[in-house]
Amino acid sequence: MVISVAVPAPLFKCFDYLPAKDLSAKDGNDLSLYRPGQRVLVPFAGRKLIGIIKNTGITTYPETPNSNTTKKTIKLKHILYIFNENAIFSAKQLELLTWASIYYCHPIGDCFHTALPTRLRKYINPQDNAWQKLTSTKWLRTQHPYIPKKNAHKQLALIEAISHQQEGMWQDALKSMGFTLTQLKTLEKAGYIAAKECDSLATTANENNKKPPITIELNPAQRKAAAEIQASAKPFNVTVLQGITGSGKTEVYIECVRNALKSGKQSLILIPEINLSPQTLTRFQSQLNTPIGLVHSGMSAKERLSTWQLAREGIAKVIIGTRSAIFTPFKTLGLIVVDEEHDASYKQIDGFKYSARDLAVKKAQIENCRIILGSATPSLETLHNANLGKYQHIKLTQRAGKGKLPEMHLIDIRSRALENGCSRPLLDRIEKEITNGNQVIIFQNRRGFSPTLMCNACGWIAHCIHCDAKLTLHSRPPHLHCHHCNYKQAMPHSCESCQQPQLSPLGSGTERIEFGLQQRFPNTTIRRIDRDNIRKQSDMIKLIEEINLGEPCLLVGTQMLAKGHDFHHVTLVAIIDADASFFSADFRAIERSAQQLLQVSGRTGRGEKPGTVLIQTRKADHPLFVPLLSSDYDSIAKSELEDRTLCELPPYSKMITIRADAKVMSDAMSALQLLSKQLHQQFSEQLSVQISGPIEANMTRKAGIYRCFLHLFISETKIRNKVLSLLPEHCIKNNNHKTKLQIDVDPLDYI
């Protein structure tokens, strides 16, 4: 009897093991002890690894020749330990992960490893109770009177927060408010507060919202959309909910979740960004009186395992999470929602390169449940499936409530002087909005003060020493920073080439725009929202609360501002540089530009006041602006699909990219040239297979490693499946100590 185990190793197969030695002879031959999906500890390459049982059975191993003897039987190793919980992965999860391993050409053991919570990936000892016992900490106020110390503002705020809740506050909630465990322990030591350990499962099962849920009346369009989604006779149904920004897609999601709850089913809500989780959780909690869990990378390993188990046991009825939440197990899943389904954040670009959106569709098929793909600007792949009739397509064309779509205007800056990135007409309009007591968003998708530092004397430009990329100038503190490899260096006082001190920043990032606005509007509150300024989720929560107070302010930010936020007091959106991605080598450039511009434009005009969008451009005659100014995304999508079909680009073909990484460029190119030759020999007669490359990446050297790409475009499904089945073997043969080959199916990073 052998047990086939998937281990976290870069190999495209499972490994056979014998039963554990410490079991009795009777138990050792009992196949029922070894269940597919169960965790086991196995010896592998001199290490002890956590593996997942794939299947079990009786196998007779053939004798194989050996150099020392004529024949020698293969000797299998024994499983070291069986974890006594039930199977970690259900049959449906195993099916999903096995499919993902084949489709994305990724080792199955690593797929299983990625899907496990961190605490279940690591082996501590046989008595490890990470799975059996989960507790959460609640903090309560004691009777000991608190006398505020001078300047102890944080302590006072913490005491007041806990005092307002008679039943205490969960440690997770306090952490989200910006308080630390050290602060809690300090007050506990002084006797002001006390910790109480509670069983996570029992507590969540018994503790729903104390307040009655809010009921929001849907408008006719929303009611019709929800009814059409529910009307499908088949349990598995994919619906594209295309609603303009502010049309109330979230209310439709909540209505569908409410219907799933009435049927005794659970729901999974996927969102593109961690920063959207607080407001999404608040909206769902306010309308649904049911346990709701969060899953994202900002949570501790213990918190994620707790939510994972709550969903698996069917206690948490709704799970809201980012990309990795797709691997959450459910007892009775009835609905999946992928909000902003077009967003590139759903694609994992390192390691196991999966698309959470596409896995969500496959998961819904396996679970036989409904799935909603929601967006104001759906991806062309999704629209293509809707056009073919594979997906149900529902549109919301009017904003909910009193909100109206904003007016959009261009500002041609070809002949205008700019003041730290802003033109004079734009600054005048910003001044008008601030004078009227409104809020303004200034959108620039570049961090730092300036993307380039140049010498005016000789033309030298500051480059990263590890990447083929320019260094970004930051002003607080002054330094140069590579956003690709995180290399930093002090701000030079003179040119490294000619030693002249005539250095000038070129272009504007969020820091420079903030600086310019501070000079122009010294009495106005200015908030910068980018990865440099917003480092913790609590920072974003606090900032959004301040914005929603409605006080006049200027919001300078990157794409963090463009996704899903509902600001009712913003009356003007200014887009500083709309041309940045028009001339990219990426064939998705126009699609992404339109999506980004329409998404950020949708942040204004959501309240009672009308909104306006001003777009600065040096290409005012670009054809994209004609439909864009009337928010006509459908025309843009139709035109792009027509271009794609002529070139047989996705979605009219499947794209597979093989990337070669090496310390020497010639090694990377040689490996891909050999692979290209092998593929040409096998598929030379197949017209549906187009091979492009190998070519150097746009940024050839990144973090000291040279990168090249080989692209495959395959229009026939059967041929694509054959190619995918052969690629792992080819890559293993061509991998060596000099070159690493990586396969990326449906890639976003390929230039």
Foldseek 3Di string as FASTA:
>chain_A
DWWWWQAQDQDAGTDIAQEAPPDDPVVSPDCVQQDAQFWFWADDPNDIWIIGTHGDDDDDFDWDQDPVDRTDTDDHHYTHGTQPDPRNDDPLLSVLLVVLCLQFVTHSNNSVLLLDQPVNGDDDDNPDCLQPFAKWKFKAFDPDDDDDDPPPVVLVVVLVVQDVDHVGGTPVVVVLLPDDPVSVVVCVVVPGMDMDIGGLQVCLLPDWDPDAADDDDDDPQLVVVLCVLVPDPFQEAEEEEAEAQQACVLVSVLVNLVVCVVVVAAEEEEELDPLCVVVSVVVNSRHDRAAEAEDEPQDDSSRNSSVLVCQQVSRHRYYYYYQSCLSRHHDGHAEYEYEQLQDPSQFDDPRSGDRSSVSNSVSCVSSRHYYYYYDNQHDLQVVVCVVVVRHHYGYRYAHPDQFHQAFEDEDACPPADAQQLHGPVVVVVLVVQVVVFFAEEEEDAAAAFAQWKAAPPPGDIAPDPFWRGGWGFHVVPTWTADPQQGDIDHDDQADPPPRHRRMDGDHGHLVSVQVRVCVVCVPAAEAEDDCVVCPDSSVSVVVLVVQQVSGYHYYYYYCVQLPDDARQRYAEYEYRELCPQVPDPDLCSLSVSLRRVSSNSSNHRSHNHHHYYYYYYNCPVPPSVVCSSVPNSVVVSVVSVVVCVVVCHPPQWWKKKKKKKFLDQVLRQVLVVVVVVVVCVVCVVPPQKDKDDQDWAPTQGTSNIGMTMIMITGRDPVVSSVCSVCVSVSQVVSDDPGMHMDMGIRDPRGD
